[in-house]
Amino acid sequence: MLRLSKKSVLALEAVLDVAFYARVSPVQSREITARQGIPHRYLEQVMQRLARDGVLKGVRGPRGGYMLARPGHEVTVGDIVRIVNDVDPDDDDTVSISELASKVVSPLWSEIEGNILRWFDDITITDLCDMADRRGVSPQSMVHKMAG
């Protein structure tokens, strides 16, 4: 069942952080932890999964970290939610106990999930970066947050 879990929200924050700060050089996971408050142990697992599935690119070395593997306008919220939650709108994991559930409720819920995922597919990381800019979020404001 599709649900925007805490895991999804944290993964979106991490990818958005990378898109926002990796404009010049890769972003290290410890920097994301400091800015976003995401536990490092959890964050590293998510980042590796997103890199393995082609959303992020890992850069090795002393100045290594993560960058977007594709341009921000090609990475969608739907991509991230599917990867982190292993969401497949055609995968019906509901165990039905009645005919009404199997023929009415489950198909309705599957349709709703599909619509939500299609909506998520229309929202890109670039859209979220633009939203951050419009709402006054800047790299400088986040640096102050880290120092404070």
C-alpha atoms as a PDB file:
ATOM      1  CA  MET A   1       0.000   0.000   0.000  1.00  0.00           C
ATOM      2  CA  LEU A   2       1.354   3.419  -0.936  1.00  0.00           C
ATOM      3  CA  ARG A   3       2.022   5.757   1.901  1.00  0.00           C
ATOM      4  CA  LEU A   4       4.439   8.650   2.027  1.00  0.00           C
ATOM      5  CA  SER A   5       6.430   7.113   4.825  1.00  0.00           C
ATOM      6  CA  LYS A   6       9.036   8.787   6.958  1.00  0.00           C
ATOM      7  CA  LYS A   7      11.580   6.834   4.899  1.00  0.00           C
ATOM      8  CA  SER A   8      10.247   8.451   1.693  1.00  0.00           C
ATOM      9  CA  VAL A   9      10.292  11.934   3.191  1.00  0.00           C
ATOM     10  CA  LEU A  10      13.869  11.507   4.439  1.00  0.00           C
ATOM     11  CA  ALA A  11      14.986  10.155   1.045  1.00  0.00           C
ATOM     12  CA  LEU A  12      13.362  13.149  -0.686  1.00  0.00           C
ATOM     13  CA  GLU A  13      15.121  15.506   1.737  1.00  0.00           C
ATOM     14  CA  ALA A  14      18.452  13.809   1.041  1.00  0.00           C
ATOM     15  CA  VAL A  15      18.096  13.943  -2.758  1.00  0.00           C
ATOM     16  CA  LEU A  16      16.907  17.547  -2.596  1.00  0.00           C
ATOM     17  CA  ASP A  17      19.882  18.401  -0.389  1.00  0.00           C
ATOM     18  CA  VAL A  18      22.230  16.821  -2.940  1.00  0.00           C
ATOM     19  CA  ALA A  19      20.568  18.707  -5.799  1.00  0.00           C
ATOM     20  CA  PHE A  20      20.701  21.941  -3.838  1.00  0.00           C
ATOM     21  CA  TYR A  21      24.330  21.720  -2.674  1.00  0.00           C
ATOM     22  CA  ALA A  22      26.129  19.539  -5.240  1.00  0.00           C
ATOM     23  CA  ARG A  23      26.135  22.236  -7.892  1.00  0.00           C
ATOM     24  CA  VAL A  24      29.937  22.530  -7.726  1.00  0.00           C
ATOM     25  CA  SER A  25      31.222  19.492  -5.850  1.00  0.00           C
ATOM     26  CA  PRO A  26      29.769  16.287  -4.393  1.00  0.00           C
ATOM     27  CA  VAL A  27      27.880  16.396  -1.114  1.00  0.00           C
ATOM     28  CA  GLN A  28      29.097  14.151   1.686  1.00  0.00           C
ATOM     29  CA  SER A  29      26.515  12.239   3.665  1.00  0.00           C
ATOM     30  CA  ARG A  30      27.789  13.715   6.938  1.00  0.00           C
ATOM     31  CA  GLU A  31      26.956  17.187   5.587  1.00  0.00           C
ATOM     32  CA  ILE A  32      23.403  16.046   4.825  1.00  0.00           C
ATOM     33  CA  THR A  33      23.161  14.583   8.332  1.00  0.00           C
ATOM     34  CA  ALA A  34      24.258  17.915   9.817  1.00  0.00           C
ATOM     35  CA  ARG A  35      21.883  20.004   7.687  1.00  0.00           C
ATOM     36  CA  GLN A  36      18.811  17.765   7.696  1.00  0.00           C
ATOM     37  CA  GLY A  37      19.199  15.849  10.955  1.00  0.00           C
ATOM     38  CA  ILE A  38      18.879  12.477   9.212  1.00  0.00           C
ATOM     39  CA  PRO A  39      20.686   9.741  11.175  1.00  0.00           C
ATOM     40  CA  HIS A  40      23.905   8.906   9.319  1.00  0.00           C
ATOM     41  CA  ARG A  41      23.509   5.125   9.568  1.00  0.00           C
ATOM     42  CA  TYR A  42      20.069   5.301   7.959  1.00  0.00           C
ATOM     43  CA  LEU A  43      21.090   7.965   5.450  1.00  0.00           C
ATOM     44  CA  GLU A  44      24.016   5.988   4.058  1.00  0.00           C
ATOM     45  CA  GLN A  45      21.790   2.971   3.337  1.00  0.00           C
ATOM     46  CA  VAL A  46      19.278   5.157   1.493  1.00  0.00           C
ATOM     47  CA  MET A  47      21.988   6.997  -0.451  1.00  0.00           C
ATOM     48  CA  GLN A  48      23.563   3.729  -1.586  1.00  0.00           C
ATOM     49  CA  ARG A  49      20.181   2.418  -2.709  1.00  0.00           C
ATOM     50  CA  LEU A  50      19.458   5.623  -4.641  1.00  0.00           C
ATOM     51  CA  ALA A  51      22.918   5.417  -6.238  1.00  0.00           C
ATOM     52  CA  ARG A  52      22.435   1.757  -7.176  1.00  0.00           C
ATOM     53  CA  ASP A  53      19.097   2.626  -8.813  1.00  0.00           C
ATOM     54  CA  GLY A  54      20.495   5.552 -10.824  1.00  0.00           C
ATOM     55  CA  VAL A  55      19.156   8.602  -8.972  1.00  0.00           C
ATOM     56  CA  LEU A  56      22.458   9.499  -7.328  1.00  0.00           C
ATOM     57  CA  LYS A  57      26.064   9.003  -8.344  1.00  0.00           C
ATOM     58  CA  GLY A  58      28.699   8.231  -5.727  1.00  0.00           C
ATOM     59  CA  VAL A  59      32.052   9.985  -6.111  1.00  0.00           C
ATOM     60  CA  ARG A  60      35.001   8.368  -4.331  1.00  0.00           C
ATOM     61  CA  GLY A  61      37.971  10.107  -2.773  1.00  0.00           C
ATOM     62  CA  PRO A  62      38.681  12.632  -0.020  1.00  0.00           C
ATOM     63  CA  ARG A  63      36.335  15.182  -1.603  1.00  0.00           C
ATOM     64  CA  GLY A  64      33.865  12.534  -2.662  1.00  0.00           C
ATOM     65  CA  GLY A  65      30.226  12.263  -1.865  1.00  0.00           C
ATOM     66  CA  TYR A  66      27.039  12.207  -3.890  1.00  0.00           C
ATOM     67  CA  MET A  67      25.718  14.060  -6.903  1.00  0.00           C
ATOM     68  CA  LEU A  68      22.608  13.612  -8.988  1.00  0.00           C
ATOM     69  CA  ALA A  69      23.165  10.890 -11.577  1.00  0.00           C
ATOM     70  CA  ARG A  70      20.831  12.679 -14.018  1.00  0.00           C
ATOM     71  CA  PRO A  71      19.745  16.298 -14.417  1.00  0.00           C
ATOM     72  CA  GLY A  72      17.241  17.382 -11.764  1.00  0.00           C
ATOM     73  CA  HIS A  73      14.454  17.771 -14.309  1.00  0.00           C
ATOM     74  CA  GLU A  74      14.779  14.041 -15.064  1.00  0.00           C
ATOM     75  CA  VAL A  75      14.491  12.854 -11.453  1.00  0.00           C
ATOM     76  CA  THR A  76      10.959  12.757 -10.062  1.00  0.00           C
ATOM     77  CA  VAL A  77       9.436  12.376  -6.636  1.00  0.00           C
ATOM     78  CA  GLY A  78       7.836   9.210  -8.022  1.00  0.00           C
ATOM     79  CA  ASP A  79      11.273   7.763  -8.844  1.00  0.00           C
ATOM     80  CA  ILE A  80      12.434   8.251  -5.273  1.00  0.00           C
ATOM     81  CA  VAL A  81       9.240   6.966  -3.627  1.00  0.00           C
ATOM     82  CA  ARG A  82       9.260   3.831  -5.790  1.00  0.00           C
ATOM     83  CA  ILE A  83      12.917   3.097  -5.029  1.00  0.00           C
ATOM     84  CA  VAL A  84      12.723   3.663  -1.299  1.00  0.00           C
ATOM     85  CA  ASN A  85       9.410   1.870  -0.797  1.00  0.00           C
ATOM     86  CA  ASP A  86       9.628  -0.675  -3.610  1.00  0.00           C
ATOM     87  CA  VAL A  87       6.217   0.580  -4.740  1.00  0.00           C
ATOM     88  CA  ASP A  88       4.625  -1.088  -7.742  1.00  0.00           C
ATOM     89  CA  PRO A  89       1.099   0.162  -8.480  1.00  0.00           C
ATOM     90  CA  ASP A  90       0.238  -3.171 -10.132  1.00  0.00           C
ATOM     91  CA  ASP A  91       1.390  -5.178  -7.118  1.00  0.00           C
ATOM     92  CA  ASP A  92      -1.659  -5.989  -5.023  1.00  0.00           C
ATOM     93  CA  ASP A  93      -0.401  -7.074  -1.625  1.00  0.00           C
ATOM     94  CA  THR A  94      -3.817  -6.800  -0.005  1.00  0.00           C
ATOM     95  CA  VAL A  95      -5.140 -10.038   1.403  1.00  0.00           C
ATOM     96  CA  SER A  96      -8.836  -9.858   0.704  1.00  0.00           C
ATOM     97  CA  ILE A  97     -11.261 -11.461   3.081  1.00  0.00           C
ATOM     98  CA  SER A  98     -14.472 -10.591   1.268  1.00  0.00           C
ATOM     99  CA  GLU A  99     -15.858 -10.173  -2.217  1.00  0.00           C
ATOM    100  CA  LEU A 100     -16.496  -6.461  -1.553  1.00  0.00           C
ATOM    101  CA  ALA A 101     -12.889  -5.995  -0.488  1.00  0.00           C
ATOM    102  CA  SER A 102     -11.464  -7.885  -3.446  1.00  0.00           C
ATOM    103  CA  LYS A 103     -13.781  -6.439  -6.096  1.00  0.00           C
ATOM    104  CA  VAL A 104     -14.398  -2.909  -4.832  1.00  0.00           C
ATOM    105  CA  VAL A 105     -12.057  -1.676  -2.092  1.00  0.00           C
ATOM    106  CA  SER A 106      -8.746  -3.142  -3.382  1.00  0.00           C
ATOM    107  CA  PRO A 107      -9.264  -1.973  -6.992  1.00  0.00           C
ATOM    108  CA  LEU A 108     -10.262   1.495  -5.730  1.00  0.00           C
ATOM    109  CA  TRP A 109      -7.150   1.710  -3.567  1.00  0.00           C
ATOM    110  CA  SER A 110      -4.938   0.518  -6.445  1.00  0.00           C
ATOM    111  CA  GLU A 111      -6.396   3.242  -8.660  1.00  0.00           C
ATOM    112  CA  ILE A 112      -5.764   5.884  -6.000  1.00  0.00           C
ATOM    113  CA  GLU A 113      -2.165   4.695  -5.551  1.00  0.00           C
ATOM    114  CA  GLY A 114      -1.609   4.809  -9.309  1.00  0.00           C
ATOM    115  CA  ASN A 115      -2.986   8.350  -9.492  1.00  0.00           C
ATOM    116  CA  ILE A 116      -0.759   9.499  -6.639  1.00  0.00           C
ATOM    117  CA  LEU A 117       2.323   7.954  -8.253  1.00  0.00           C
ATOM    118  CA  ARG A 118       1.482   9.625 -11.585  1.00  0.00           C
ATOM    119  CA  TRP A 119       1.158  12.933  -9.739  1.00  0.00           C
ATOM    120  CA  PHE A 120       4.542  12.303  -8.064  1.00  0.00           C
ATOM    121  CA  ASP A 121       5.985  11.580 -11.516  1.00  0.00           C
ATOM    122  CA  ASP A 122       5.061  15.127 -12.554  1.00  0.00           C
ATOM    123  CA  ILE A 123       7.122  16.695  -9.738  1.00  0.00           C
ATOM    124  CA  THR A 124      10.854  16.877 -10.415  1.00  0.00           C
ATOM    125  CA  ILE A 125      13.797  17.638  -8.173  1.00  0.00           C
ATOM    126  CA  THR A 126      14.262  20.830 -10.182  1.00  0.00           C
ATOM    127  CA  ASP A 127      10.668  21.778  -9.266  1.00  0.00           C
ATOM    128  CA  LEU A 128      11.480  21.251  -5.593  1.00  0.00           C
ATOM    129  CA  CYS A 129      14.706  23.282  -5.850  1.00  0.00           C
ATOM    130  CA  ASP A 130      12.720  26.092  -7.498  1.00  0.00           C
ATOM    131  CA  MET A 131      10.154  25.865  -4.703  1.00  0.00           C
ATOM    132  CA  ALA A 132      12.943  26.143  -2.118  1.00  0.00           C
ATOM    133  CA  ASP A 133      14.287  29.236  -3.883  1.00  0.00           C
ATOM    134  CA  ARG A 134      10.806  30.841  -3.990  1.00  0.00           C
ATOM    135  CA  ARG A 135      10.325  30.140  -0.292  1.00  0.00           C
ATOM    136  CA  GLY A 136      13.627  31.717   0.676  1.00  0.00           C
ATOM    137  CA  VAL A 137      15.625  28.566   1.360  1.00  0.00           C
ATOM    138  CA  SER A 138      19.213  29.135   0.348  1.00  0.00           C
ATOM    139  CA  PRO A 139      22.512  27.335   0.840  1.00  0.00           C
ATOM    140  CA  GLN A 140      23.589  30.230   3.046  1.00  0.00           C
ATOM    141  CA  SER A 141      20.584  29.833   5.360  1.00  0.00           C
ATOM    142  CA  MET A 142      21.362  26.117   5.723  1.00  0.00           C
ATOM    143  CA  VAL A 143      25.020  26.809   6.562  1.00  0.00           C
ATOM    144  CA  HIS A 144      23.836  29.099   9.359  1.00  0.00           C
ATOM    145  CA  LYS A 145      21.540  26.322  10.578  1.00  0.00           C
ATOM    146  CA  MET A 146      24.538  23.942  10.720  1.00  0.00           C
ATOM    147  CA  ALA A 147      26.655  26.438  12.646  1.00  0.00           C
ATOM    148  CA  GLY A 148      23.862  27.296  15.104  1.00  0.00           C
END
